[in-house]
Every structure is written in structure tokens, then in C-alpha cells.
mmCIF file of all heavy atoms, coordinates in Angstrom:
data_MODEL
# 
_entry.id   MODEL 
# 
loop_
_atom_site.group_PDB 
_atom_site.id 
_atom_site.type_symbol 
_atom_site.label_atom_id 
_atom_site.label_alt_id 
_atom_site.label_comp_id 
_atom_site.label_asym_id 
_atom_site.label_entity_id 
_atom_site.label_seq_id 
_atom_site.pdbx_PDB_ins_code 
_atom_site.Cartn_x 
_atom_site.Cartn_y 
_atom_site.Cartn_z 
_atom_site.occupancy 
_atom_site.B_iso_or_equiv 
_atom_site.pdbx_formal_charge 
_atom_site.auth_seq_id 
_atom_site.auth_comp_id 
_atom_site.auth_asym_id 
_atom_site.auth_atom_id 
_atom_site.pdbx_PDB_model_num 
ATOM 1   N N   . ALA A 1 1  ? 0.804   -1.216  0.000   1.00 0.00 ? 1  ALA A N   1 
ATOM 2   C CA  . ALA A 1 1  ? 0.000   0.000   0.000   1.00 0.00 ? 1  ALA A CA  1 
ATOM 3   C C   . ALA A 1 1  ? 0.836   1.265   0.000   1.00 0.00 ? 1  ALA A C   1 
ATOM 4   O O   . ALA A 1 1  ? 0.483   2.248   -0.653  1.00 0.00 ? 1  ALA A O   1 
ATOM 5   C CB  . ALA A 1 1  ? -0.942  -0.004  1.203   1.00 0.00 ? 1  ALA A CB  1 
ATOM 6   N N   . ASP A 1 2  ? 1.976   1.239   0.719   1.00 0.00 ? 2  ASP A N   1 
ATOM 7   C CA  . ASP A 1 2  ? 2.769   2.465   0.783   1.00 0.00 ? 2  ASP A CA  1 
ATOM 8   C C   . ASP A 1 2  ? 3.382   2.830   -0.565  1.00 0.00 ? 2  ASP A C   1 
ATOM 9   O O   . ASP A 1 2  ? 3.786   3.970   -0.784  1.00 0.00 ? 2  ASP A O   1 
ATOM 10  C CB  . ASP A 1 2  ? 3.845   2.370   1.864   1.00 0.00 ? 2  ASP A CB  1 
ATOM 11  C CG  . ASP A 1 2  ? 4.775   1.175   1.665   1.00 0.00 ? 2  ASP A CG  1 
ATOM 12  O OD1 . ASP A 1 2  ? 4.579   0.425   0.686   1.00 0.00 ? 2  ASP A OD1 1 
ATOM 13  O OD2 . ASP A 1 2  ? 5.697   0.995   2.483   1.00 0.00 ? 2  ASP A OD2 1 
ATOM 14  N N   . SER A 1 3  ? 3.437   1.874   -1.488  1.00 0.00 ? 3  SER A N   1 
ATOM 15  C CA  . SER A 1 3  ? 3.998   2.170   -2.806  1.00 0.00 ? 3  SER A CA  1 
ATOM 16  C C   . SER A 1 3  ? 2.977   2.813   -3.732  1.00 0.00 ? 3  SER A C   1 
ATOM 17  O O   . SER A 1 3  ? 3.335   3.344   -4.791  1.00 0.00 ? 3  SER A O   1 
ATOM 18  C CB  . SER A 1 3  ? 4.543   0.894   -3.459  1.00 0.00 ? 3  SER A CB  1 
ATOM 19  O OG  . SER A 1 3  ? 3.492   0.018   -3.802  1.00 0.00 ? 3  SER A OG  1 
ATOM 20  N N   . VAL A 1 4  ? 1.687   2.762   -3.372  1.00 0.00 ? 4  VAL A N   1 
ATOM 21  C CA  . VAL A 1 4  ? 0.643   3.335   -4.227  1.00 0.00 ? 4  VAL A CA  1 
ATOM 22  C C   . VAL A 1 4  ? -0.236  4.335   -3.497  1.00 0.00 ? 4  VAL A C   1 
ATOM 23  O O   . VAL A 1 4  ? -1.172  4.865   -4.079  1.00 0.00 ? 4  VAL A O   1 
ATOM 24  C CB  . VAL A 1 4  ? -0.246  2.211   -4.815  1.00 0.00 ? 4  VAL A CB  1 
ATOM 25  C CG1 . VAL A 1 4  ? 0.559   1.304   -5.714  1.00 0.00 ? 4  VAL A CG1 1 
ATOM 26  C CG2 . VAL A 1 4  ? -0.931  1.424   -3.714  1.00 0.00 ? 4  VAL A CG2 1 
ATOM 27  N N   . ALA A 1 5  ? 0.064   4.610   -2.223  1.00 0.00 ? 5  ALA A N   1 
ATOM 28  C CA  . ALA A 1 5  ? -0.794  5.471   -1.414  1.00 0.00 ? 5  ALA A CA  1 
ATOM 29  C C   . ALA A 1 5  ? -1.033  6.835   -2.059  1.00 0.00 ? 5  ALA A C   1 
ATOM 30  O O   . ALA A 1 5  ? -2.141  7.363   -2.051  1.00 0.00 ? 5  ALA A O   1 
ATOM 31  C CB  . ALA A 1 5  ? -0.196  5.649   -0.024  1.00 0.00 ? 5  ALA A CB  1 
ATOM 32  N N   . LYS A 1 6  ? 0.017   7.420   -2.672  1.00 0.00 ? 6  LYS A N   1 
ATOM 33  C CA  . LYS A 1 6  ? -0.147  8.766   -3.241  1.00 0.00 ? 6  LYS A CA  1 
ATOM 34  C C   . LYS A 1 6  ? -1.003  8.771   -4.497  1.00 0.00 ? 6  LYS A C   1 
ATOM 35  O O   . LYS A 1 6  ? -1.407  9.826   -4.980  1.00 0.00 ? 6  LYS A O   1 
ATOM 36  C CB  . LYS A 1 6  ? 1.222   9.372   -3.542  1.00 0.00 ? 6  LYS A CB  1 
ATOM 37  C CG  . LYS A 1 6  ? 2.018   8.665   -4.619  1.00 0.00 ? 6  LYS A CG  1 
ATOM 38  C CD  . LYS A 1 6  ? 3.347   9.391   -4.837  1.00 0.00 ? 6  LYS A CD  1 
ATOM 39  C CE  . LYS A 1 6  ? 4.190   8.706   -5.900  1.00 0.00 ? 6  LYS A CE  1 
ATOM 40  N NZ  . LYS A 1 6  ? 5.466   9.435   -6.127  1.00 0.00 ? 6  LYS A NZ  1 
ATOM 41  N N   . TYR A 1 7  ? -1.299  7.584   -5.056  1.00 0.00 ? 7  TYR A N   1 
ATOM 42  C CA  . TYR A 1 7  ? -2.126  7.504   -6.268  1.00 0.00 ? 7  TYR A CA  1 
ATOM 43  C C   . TYR A 1 7  ? -3.576  7.143   -5.958  1.00 0.00 ? 7  TYR A C   1 
ATOM 44  O O   . TYR A 1 7  ? -4.408  7.113   -6.854  1.00 0.00 ? 7  TYR A O   1 
ATOM 45  C CB  . TYR A 1 7  ? -1.549  6.469   -7.233  1.00 0.00 ? 7  TYR A CB  1 
ATOM 46  C CG  . TYR A 1 7  ? -0.137  6.796   -7.660  1.00 0.00 ? 7  TYR A CG  1 
ATOM 47  C CD1 . TYR A 1 7  ? 0.943   6.091   -7.151  1.00 0.00 ? 7  TYR A CD1 1 
ATOM 48  C CD2 . TYR A 1 7  ? 0.121   7.822   -8.561  1.00 0.00 ? 7  TYR A CD2 1 
ATOM 49  C CE1 . TYR A 1 7  ? 2.243   6.395   -7.528  1.00 0.00 ? 7  TYR A CE1 1 
ATOM 50  C CE2 . TYR A 1 7  ? 1.414   8.141   -8.944  1.00 0.00 ? 7  TYR A CE2 1 
ATOM 51  C CZ  . TYR A 1 7  ? 2.472   7.417   -8.419  1.00 0.00 ? 7  TYR A CZ  1 
ATOM 52  O OH  . TYR A 1 7  ? 3.745   7.721   -8.789  1.00 0.00 ? 7  TYR A OH  1 
ATOM 53  N N   . VAL A 1 8  ? -3.860  6.810   -4.692  1.00 0.00 ? 8  VAL A N   1 
ATOM 54  C CA  . VAL A 1 8  ? -5.219  6.453   -4.286  1.00 0.00 ? 8  VAL A CA  1 
ATOM 55  C C   . VAL A 1 8  ? -5.696  7.523   -3.321  1.00 0.00 ? 8  VAL A C   1 
ATOM 56  O O   . VAL A 1 8  ? -5.231  7.600   -2.186  1.00 0.00 ? 8  VAL A O   1 
ATOM 57  C CB  . VAL A 1 8  ? -5.266  5.061   -3.623  1.00 0.00 ? 8  VAL A CB  1 
ATOM 58  C CG1 . VAL A 1 8  ? -6.702  4.693   -3.258  1.00 0.00 ? 8  VAL A CG1 1 
ATOM 59  C CG2 . VAL A 1 8  ? -4.659  4.011   -4.541  1.00 0.00 ? 8  VAL A CG2 1 
ATOM 60  N N   . GLY A 1 9  ? -6.612  8.369   -3.791  1.00 0.00 ? 9  GLY A N   1 
ATOM 61  C CA  . GLY A 1 9  ? -7.032  9.523   -2.999  1.00 0.00 ? 9  GLY A CA  1 
ATOM 62  C C   . GLY A 1 9  ? -7.542  9.172   -1.620  1.00 0.00 ? 9  GLY A C   1 
ATOM 63  O O   . GLY A 1 9  ? -8.397  8.298   -1.453  1.00 0.00 ? 9  GLY A O   1 
ATOM 64  N N   . GLY A 1 10 ? -7.019  9.838   -0.596  1.00 0.00 ? 10 GLY A N   1 
ATOM 65  C CA  . GLY A 1 10 ? -7.486  9.666   0.763   1.00 0.00 ? 10 GLY A CA  1 
ATOM 66  C C   . GLY A 1 10 ? -7.061  8.378   1.432   1.00 0.00 ? 10 GLY A C   1 
ATOM 67  O O   . GLY A 1 10 ? -7.543  8.059   2.521   1.00 0.00 ? 10 GLY A O   1 
ATOM 68  N N   . LEU A 1 11 ? -6.157  7.621   0.829   1.00 0.00 ? 11 LEU A N   1 
ATOM 69  C CA  . LEU A 1 11 ? -5.745  6.341   1.400   1.00 0.00 ? 11 LEU A CA  1 
ATOM 70  C C   . LEU A 1 11 ? -4.850  6.554   2.618   1.00 0.00 ? 11 LEU A C   1 
ATOM 71  O O   . LEU A 1 11 ? -3.832  7.221   2.553   1.00 0.00 ? 11 LEU A O   1 
ATOM 72  C CB  . LEU A 1 11 ? -4.994  5.507   0.363   1.00 0.00 ? 11 LEU A CB  1 
ATOM 73  C CG  . LEU A 1 11 ? -4.423  4.167   0.845   1.00 0.00 ? 11 LEU A CG  1 
ATOM 74  C CD1 . LEU A 1 11 ? -5.538  3.251   1.317   1.00 0.00 ? 11 LEU A CD1 1 
ATOM 75  C CD2 . LEU A 1 11 ? -3.618  3.499   -0.260  1.00 0.00 ? 11 LEU A CD2 1 
ATOM 76  N N   . VAL A 1 12 ? -5.273  5.984   3.743   1.00 0.00 ? 12 VAL A N   1 
ATOM 77  C CA  . VAL A 1 12 ? -4.469  5.981   4.964   1.00 0.00 ? 12 VAL A CA  1 
ATOM 78  C C   . VAL A 1 12 ? -4.057  4.539   5.211   1.00 0.00 ? 12 VAL A C   1 
ATOM 79  O O   . VAL A 1 12 ? -4.909  3.654   5.331   1.00 0.00 ? 12 VAL A O   1 
ATOM 80  C CB  . VAL A 1 12 ? -5.257  6.517   6.174   1.00 0.00 ? 12 VAL A CB  1 
ATOM 81  C CG1 . VAL A 1 12 ? -4.408  6.451   7.433   1.00 0.00 ? 12 VAL A CG1 1 
ATOM 82  C CG2 . VAL A 1 12 ? -5.729  7.948   5.910   1.00 0.00 ? 12 VAL A CG2 1 
ATOM 83  N N   . CYS A 1 13 ? -2.759  4.276   5.278   1.00 0.00 ? 13 CYS A N   1 
ATOM 84  C CA  . CYS A 1 13 ? -2.313  2.888   5.358   1.00 0.00 ? 13 CYS A CA  1 
ATOM 85  C C   . CYS A 1 13 ? -1.136  2.717   6.300   1.00 0.00 ? 13 CYS A C   1 
ATOM 86  O O   . CYS A 1 13 ? -0.455  3.685   6.668   1.00 0.00 ? 13 CYS A O   1 
ATOM 87  C CB  . CYS A 1 13 ? -1.937  2.371   3.967   1.00 0.00 ? 13 CYS A CB  1 
ATOM 88  S SG  . CYS A 1 13 ? -0.556  3.284   3.226   1.00 0.00 ? 13 CYS A SG  1 
ATOM 89  N N   . ARG A 1 14 ? -0.923  1.473   6.679   1.00 0.00 ? 14 ARG A N   1 
ATOM 90  C CA  . ARG A 1 14 ? 0.234   1.090   7.486   1.00 0.00 ? 14 ARG A CA  1 
ATOM 91  C C   . ARG A 1 14 ? 1.263   0.442   6.571   1.00 0.00 ? 14 ARG A C   1 
ATOM 92  O O   . ARG A 1 14 ? 0.937   0.014   5.465   1.00 0.00 ? 14 ARG A O   1 
ATOM 93  C CB  . ARG A 1 14 ? -0.205  0.106   8.574   1.00 0.00 ? 14 ARG A CB  1 
ATOM 94  C CG  . ARG A 1 14 ? -1.256  0.672   9.533   1.00 0.00 ? 14 ARG A CG  1 
ATOM 95  C CD  . ARG A 1 14 ? -1.905  -0.426  10.332  1.00 0.00 ? 14 ARG A CD  1 
ATOM 96  N NE  . ARG A 1 14 ? -2.604  -1.365  9.455   1.00 0.00 ? 14 ARG A NE  1 
ATOM 97  C CZ  . ARG A 1 14 ? -3.308  -2.399  9.883   1.00 0.00 ? 14 ARG A CZ  1 
ATOM 98  N NH1 . ARG A 1 14 ? -3.404  -2.642  11.173  1.00 0.00 ? 14 ARG A NH1 1 
ATOM 99  N NH2 . ARG A 1 14 ? -3.909  -3.203  9.034   1.00 0.00 ? 14 ARG A NH2 1 
ATOM 100 N N   . PRO A 1 15 ? 2.510   0.334   7.026   1.00 0.00 ? 15 PRO A N   1 
ATOM 101 C CA  . PRO A 1 15 ? 3.561   -0.218  6.173   1.00 0.00 ? 15 PRO A CA  1 
ATOM 102 C C   . PRO A 1 15 ? 3.281   -1.621  5.643   1.00 0.00 ? 15 PRO A C   1 
ATOM 103 O O   . PRO A 1 15 ? 3.731   -1.968  4.554   1.00 0.00 ? 15 PRO A O   1 
ATOM 104 C CB  . PRO A 1 15 ? 4.788   -0.214  7.098   1.00 0.00 ? 15 PRO A CB  1 
ATOM 105 C CG  . PRO A 1 15 ? 4.512   0.889   8.067   1.00 0.00 ? 15 PRO A CG  1 
ATOM 106 C CD  . PRO A 1 15 ? 3.036   0.845   8.305   1.00 0.00 ? 15 PRO A CD  1 
ATOM 107 N N   . ASP A 1 16 ? 2.539   -2.433  6.417   1.00 0.00 ? 16 ASP A N   1 
ATOM 108 C CA  . ASP A 1 16 ? 2.295   -3.812  5.976   1.00 0.00 ? 16 ASP A CA  1 
ATOM 109 C C   . ASP A 1 16 ? 0.963   -3.980  5.254   1.00 0.00 ? 16 ASP A C   1 
ATOM 110 O O   . ASP A 1 16 ? 0.567   -5.094  4.922   1.00 0.00 ? 16 ASP A O   1 
ATOM 111 C CB  . ASP A 1 16 ? 2.354   -4.767  7.170   1.00 0.00 ? 16 ASP A CB  1 
ATOM 112 C CG  . ASP A 1 16 ? 1.342   -4.421  8.253   1.00 0.00 ? 16 ASP A CG  1 
ATOM 113 O OD1 . ASP A 1 16 ? 0.819   -3.288  8.234   1.00 0.00 ? 16 ASP A OD1 1 
ATOM 114 O OD2 . ASP A 1 16 ? 1.080   -5.281  9.119   1.00 0.00 ? 16 ASP A OD2 1 
ATOM 115 N N   . ASP A 1 17 ? 0.248   -2.876  4.980   1.00 0.00 ? 17 ASP A N   1 
ATOM 116 C CA  . ASP A 1 17 ? -1.018  -2.966  4.244   1.00 0.00 ? 17 ASP A CA  1 
ATOM 117 C C   . ASP A 1 17 ? -0.759  -3.277  2.772   1.00 0.00 ? 17 ASP A C   1 
ATOM 118 O O   . ASP A 1 17 ? 0.303   -2.958  2.226   1.00 0.00 ? 17 ASP A O   1 
ATOM 119 C CB  . ASP A 1 17 ? -1.796  -1.654  4.339   1.00 0.00 ? 17 ASP A CB  1 
ATOM 120 C CG  . ASP A 1 17 ? -2.451  -1.471  5.694   1.00 0.00 ? 17 ASP A CG  1 
ATOM 121 O OD1 . ASP A 1 17 ? -2.642  -2.475  6.397   1.00 0.00 ? 17 ASP A OD1 1 
ATOM 122 O OD2 . ASP A 1 17 ? -2.766  -0.311  6.042   1.00 0.00 ? 17 ASP A OD2 1 
ATOM 123 N N   . LYS A 1 18 ? -1.772  -3.889  2.132   1.00 0.00 ? 18 LYS A N   1 
ATOM 124 C CA  . LYS A 1 18 ? -1.689  -4.167  0.695   1.00 0.00 ? 18 LYS A CA  1 
ATOM 125 C C   . LYS A 1 18 ? -2.938  -3.648  -0.011  1.00 0.00 ? 18 LYS A C   1 
ATOM 126 O O   . LYS A 1 18 ? -4.035  -3.648  0.537   1.00 0.00 ? 18 LYS A O   1 
ATOM 127 C CB  . LYS A 1 18 ? -1.542  -5.667  0.438   1.00 0.00 ? 18 LYS A CB  1 
ATOM 128 C CG  . LYS A 1 18 ? -0.168  -6.214  0.794   1.00 0.00 ? 18 LYS A CG  1 
ATOM 129 C CD  . LYS A 1 18 ? 0.035   -7.612  0.245   1.00 0.00 ? 18 LYS A CD  1 
ATOM 130 C CE  . LYS A 1 18 ? 1.461   -8.088  0.491   1.00 0.00 ? 18 LYS A CE  1 
ATOM 131 N NZ  . LYS A 1 18 ? 1.712   -9.422  -0.103  1.00 0.00 ? 18 LYS A NZ  1 
ATOM 132 N N   . VAL A 1 19 ? -2.733  -3.202  -1.244  1.00 0.00 ? 19 VAL A N   1 
ATOM 133 C CA  . VAL A 1 19 ? -3.846  -2.802  -2.104  1.00 0.00 ? 19 VAL A CA  1 
ATOM 134 C C   . VAL A 1 19 ? -4.081  -3.929  -3.101  1.00 0.00 ? 19 VAL A C   1 
ATOM 135 O O   . VAL A 1 19 ? -3.144  -4.422  -3.728  1.00 0.00 ? 19 VAL A O   1 
ATOM 136 C CB  . VAL A 1 19 ? -3.541  -1.488  -2.842  1.00 0.00 ? 19 VAL A CB  1 
ATOM 137 C CG1 . VAL A 1 19 ? -4.674  -1.143  -3.807  1.00 0.00 ? 19 VAL A CG1 1 
ATOM 138 C CG2 . VAL A 1 19 ? -3.344  -0.351  -1.843  1.00 0.00 ? 19 VAL A CG2 1 
ATOM 139 N N   . CYS A 1 20 ? -5.331  -4.357  -3.213  1.00 0.00 ? 20 CYS A N   1 
ATOM 140 C CA  . CYS A 1 20 ? -5.689  -5.486  -4.083  1.00 0.00 ? 20 CYS A CA  1 
ATOM 141 C C   . CYS A 1 20 ? -6.540  -4.994  -5.247  1.00 0.00 ? 20 CYS A C   1 
ATOM 142 O O   . CYS A 1 20 ? -7.437  -4.170  -5.063  1.00 0.00 ? 20 CYS A O   1 
ATOM 143 C CB  . CYS A 1 20 ? -6.466  -6.535  -3.292  1.00 0.00 ? 20 CYS A CB  1 
ATOM 144 S SG  . CYS A 1 20 ? -5.603  -7.136  -1.822  1.00 0.00 ? 20 CYS A SG  1 
ATOM 145 N N   . PHE A 1 21 ? -6.241  -5.527  -6.418  1.00 0.00 ? 21 PHE A N   1 
ATOM 146 C CA  . PHE A 1 21 ? -6.939  -5.143  -7.649  1.00 0.00 ? 21 PHE A CA  1 
ATOM 147 C C   . PHE A 1 21 ? -7.622  -6.369  -8.238  1.00 0.00 ? 21 PHE A C   1 
ATOM 148 O O   . PHE A 1 21 ? -7.018  -7.440  -8.319  1.00 0.00 ? 21 PHE A O   1 
ATOM 149 C CB  . PHE A 1 21 ? -5.957  -4.580  -8.673  1.00 0.00 ? 21 PHE A CB  1 
ATOM 150 C CG  . PHE A 1 21 ? -5.281  -3.323  -8.235  1.00 0.00 ? 21 PHE A CG  1 
ATOM 151 C CD1 . PHE A 1 21 ? -4.218  -3.373  -7.349  1.00 0.00 ? 21 PHE A CD1 1 
ATOM 152 C CD2 . PHE A 1 21 ? -5.708  -2.097  -8.704  1.00 0.00 ? 21 PHE A CD2 1 
ATOM 153 C CE1 . PHE A 1 21 ? -3.583  -2.214  -6.935  1.00 0.00 ? 21 PHE A CE1 1 
ATOM 154 C CE2 . PHE A 1 21 ? -5.081  -0.932  -8.297  1.00 0.00 ? 21 PHE A CE2 1 
ATOM 155 C CZ  . PHE A 1 21 ? -4.014  -0.988  -7.408  1.00 0.00 ? 21 PHE A CZ  1 
ATOM 156 N N   . TYR A 1 22 ? -8.867  -6.200  -8.666  1.00 0.00 ? 22 TYR A N   1 
ATOM 157 C CA  . TYR A 1 22 ? -9.627  -7.260  -9.322  1.00 0.00 ? 22 TYR A CA  1 
ATOM 158 C C   . TYR A 1 22 ? -10.075 -6.741  -10.685 1.00 0.00 ? 22 TYR A C   1 
ATOM 159 O O   . TYR A 1 22 ? -10.747 -5.717  -10.784 1.00 0.00 ? 22 TYR A O   1 
ATOM 160 C CB  . TYR A 1 22 ? -10.842 -7.652  -8.484  1.00 0.00 ? 22 TYR A CB  1 
ATOM 161 C CG  . TYR A 1 22 ? -10.468 -8.326  -7.185  1.00 0.00 ? 22 TYR A CG  1 
ATOM 162 C CD1 . TYR A 1 22 ? -10.102 -7.567  -6.077  1.00 0.00 ? 22 TYR A CD1 1 
ATOM 163 C CD2 . TYR A 1 22 ? -10.470 -9.715  -7.079  1.00 0.00 ? 22 TYR A CD2 1 
ATOM 164 C CE1 . TYR A 1 22 ? -9.741  -8.175  -4.884  1.00 0.00 ? 22 TYR A CE1 1 
ATOM 165 C CE2 . TYR A 1 22 ? -10.118 -10.340 -5.891  1.00 0.00 ? 22 TYR A CE2 1 
ATOM 166 C CZ  . TYR A 1 22 ? -9.754  -9.563  -4.796  1.00 0.00 ? 22 TYR A CZ  1 
ATOM 167 O OH  . TYR A 1 22 ? -9.390  -10.184 -3.614  1.00 0.00 ? 22 TYR A OH  1 
ATOM 168 N N   . LEU A 1 23 ? -9.705  -7.449  -11.729 1.00 0.00 ? 23 LEU A N   1 
ATOM 169 C CA  . LEU A 1 23 ? -9.975  -7.012  -13.105 1.00 0.00 ? 23 LEU A CA  1 
ATOM 170 C C   . LEU A 1 23 ? -10.675 -8.125  -13.866 1.00 0.00 ? 23 LEU A C   1 
ATOM 171 O O   . LEU A 1 23 ? -10.247 -9.281  -13.826 1.00 0.00 ? 23 LEU A O   1 
ATOM 172 C CB  . LEU A 1 23 ? -8.663  -6.664  -13.800 1.00 0.00 ? 23 LEU A CB  1 
ATOM 173 C CG  . LEU A 1 23 ? -8.690  -6.392  -15.304 1.00 0.00 ? 23 LEU A CG  1 
ATOM 174 C CD1 . LEU A 1 23 ? -9.449  -5.110  -15.589 1.00 0.00 ? 23 LEU A CD1 1 
ATOM 175 C CD2 . LEU A 1 23 ? -7.260  -6.295  -15.842 1.00 0.00 ? 23 LEU A CD2 1 
ATOM 176 N N   . LYS A 1 24 ? -11.775 -7.789  -14.535 1.00 0.00 ? 24 LYS A N   1 
ATOM 177 C CA  . LYS A 1 24 ? -12.486 -8.759  -15.366 1.00 0.00 ? 24 LYS A CA  1 
ATOM 178 C C   . LYS A 1 24 ? -12.785 -8.126  -16.719 1.00 0.00 ? 24 LYS A C   1 
ATOM 179 O O   . LYS A 1 24 ? -13.350 -7.025  -16.782 1.00 0.00 ? 24 LYS A O   1 
ATOM 180 C CB  . LYS A 1 24 ? -13.781 -9.221  -14.704 1.00 0.00 ? 24 LYS A CB  1 
ATOM 181 C CG  . LYS A 1 24 ? -14.519 -10.286 -15.501 1.00 0.00 ? 24 LYS A CG  1 
ATOM 182 C CD  . LYS A 1 24 ? -15.744 -10.803 -14.757 1.00 0.00 ? 24 LYS A CD  1 
ATOM 183 C CE  . LYS A 1 24 ? -16.447 -11.898 -15.557 1.00 0.00 ? 24 LYS A CE  1 
ATOM 184 N NZ  . LYS A 1 24 ? -17.649 -12.413 -14.851 1.00 0.00 ? 24 LYS A NZ  1 
ATOM 185 N N   . ILE A 1 25 ? -12.420 -8.831  -17.790 1.00 0.00 ? 25 ILE A N   1 
ATOM 186 C CA  . ILE A 1 25 ? -12.634 -8.311  -19.146 1.00 0.00 ? 25 ILE A CA  1 
ATOM 187 C C   . ILE A 1 25 ? -13.940 -8.853  -19.712 1.00 0.00 ? 25 ILE A C   1 
ATOM 188 O O   . ILE A 1 25 ? -14.126 -10.059 -19.825 1.00 0.00 ? 25 ILE A O   1 
ATOM 189 C CB  . ILE A 1 25 ? -11.463 -8.709  -20.078 1.00 0.00 ? 25 ILE A CB  1 
ATOM 190 C CG1 . ILE A 1 25 ? -10.136 -8.201  -19.513 1.00 0.00 ? 25 ILE A CG1 1 
ATOM 191 C CG2 . ILE A 1 25 ? -11.699 -8.154  -21.479 1.00 0.00 ? 25 ILE A CG2 1 
ATOM 192 C CD1 . ILE A 1 25 ? -10.068 -6.707  -19.320 1.00 0.00 ? 25 ILE A CD1 1 
ATOM 193 N N   . HIS A 1 26 ? -14.841 -7.946  -20.075 1.00 0.00 ? 26 HIS A N   1 
ATOM 194 C CA  . HIS A 1 26 ? -16.134 -8.341  -20.647 1.00 0.00 ? 26 HIS A CA  1 
ATOM 195 C C   . HIS A 1 26 ? -16.120 -8.318  -22.170 1.00 0.00 ? 26 HIS A C   1 
ATOM 196 O O   . HIS A 1 26 ? -16.762 -9.144  -22.803 1.00 0.00 ? 26 HIS A O   1 
ATOM 197 C CB  . HIS A 1 26 ? -17.242 -7.397  -20.149 1.00 0.00 ? 26 HIS A CB  1 
ATOM 198 C CG  . HIS A 1 26 ? -17.675 -7.661  -18.754 1.00 0.00 ? 26 HIS A CG  1 
ATOM 199 N ND1 . HIS A 1 26 ? -18.932 -8.098  -18.428 1.00 0.00 ? 26 HIS A ND1 1 
ATOM 200 C CD2 . HIS A 1 26 ? -17.003 -7.552  -17.582 1.00 0.00 ? 26 HIS A CD2 1 
ATOM 201 C CE1 . HIS A 1 26 ? -19.032 -8.235  -17.118 1.00 0.00 ? 26 HIS A CE1 1 
ATOM 202 N NE2 . HIS A 1 26 ? -17.874 -7.917  -16.580 1.00 0.00 ? 26 HIS A NE2 1 
ATOM 203 N N   . GLN A 1 27 ? -15.411 -7.363  -22.726 1.00 0.00 ? 27 GLN A N   1 
ATOM 204 C CA  . GLN A 1 27 ? -15.432 -7.211  -24.175 1.00 0.00 ? 27 GLN A CA  1 
ATOM 205 C C   . GLN A 1 27 ? -14.145 -6.557  -24.647 1.00 0.00 ? 27 GLN A C   1 
ATOM 206 O O   . GLN A 1 27 ? -13.500 -5.800  -23.912 1.00 0.00 ? 27 GLN A O   1 
ATOM 207 C CB  . GLN A 1 27 ? -16.642 -6.363  -24.613 1.00 0.00 ? 27 GLN A CB  1 
ATOM 208 C CG  . GLN A 1 27 ? -16.879 -6.316  -26.111 1.00 0.00 ? 27 GLN A CG  1 
ATOM 209 C CD  . GLN A 1 27 ? -17.025 -7.706  -26.725 1.00 0.00 ? 27 GLN A CD  1 
ATOM 210 O OE1 . GLN A 1 27 ? -16.055 -8.261  -27.204 1.00 0.00 ? 27 GLN A OE1 1 
ATOM 211 N NE2 . GLN A 1 27 ? -18.223 -8.255  -26.675 1.00 0.00 ? 27 GLN A NE2 1 
ATOM 212 N N   . ILE A 1 28 ? -13.770 -6.870  -25.866 1.00 0.00 ? 28 ILE A N   1 
ATOM 213 C CA  . ILE A 1 28 ? -12.612 -6.241  -26.506 1.00 0.00 ? 28 ILE A CA  1 
ATOM 214 C C   . ILE A 1 28 ? -13.083 -5.650  -27.827 1.00 0.00 ? 28 ILE A C   1 
ATOM 215 O O   . ILE A 1 28 ? -13.634 -6.365  -28.666 1.00 0.00 ? 28 ILE A O   1 
ATOM 216 C CB  . ILE A 1 28 ? -11.485 -7.263  -26.758 1.00 0.00 ? 28 ILE A CB  1 
ATOM 217 C CG1 . ILE A 1 28 ? -10.971 -7.837  -25.428 1.00 0.00 ? 28 ILE A CG1 1 
ATOM 218 C CG2 . ILE A 1 28 ? -10.341 -6.614  -27.535 1.00 0.00 ? 28 ILE A CG2 1 
ATOM 219 C CD1 . ILE A 1 28 ? -9.953  -8.955  -25.602 1.00 0.00 ? 28 ILE A CD1 1 
# 
């Protein structure tokens, strides 16, 4: 999380926090 905190508005995190992303493609 600390590596992306400045790109996620309002994110307050601890050093061991993680940001998780889920992506699903419906159409191309």
C-alpha cells in the first residue's frame, strides 16, 4: 500500500497494508 498510497485519494495505510486489484474483461 505504501507504494501506491499517493495515487489512491485519501488512502491511509500502514507499512504492511496491501492494495488489491480485481480485473475482469467483458469485451474487446
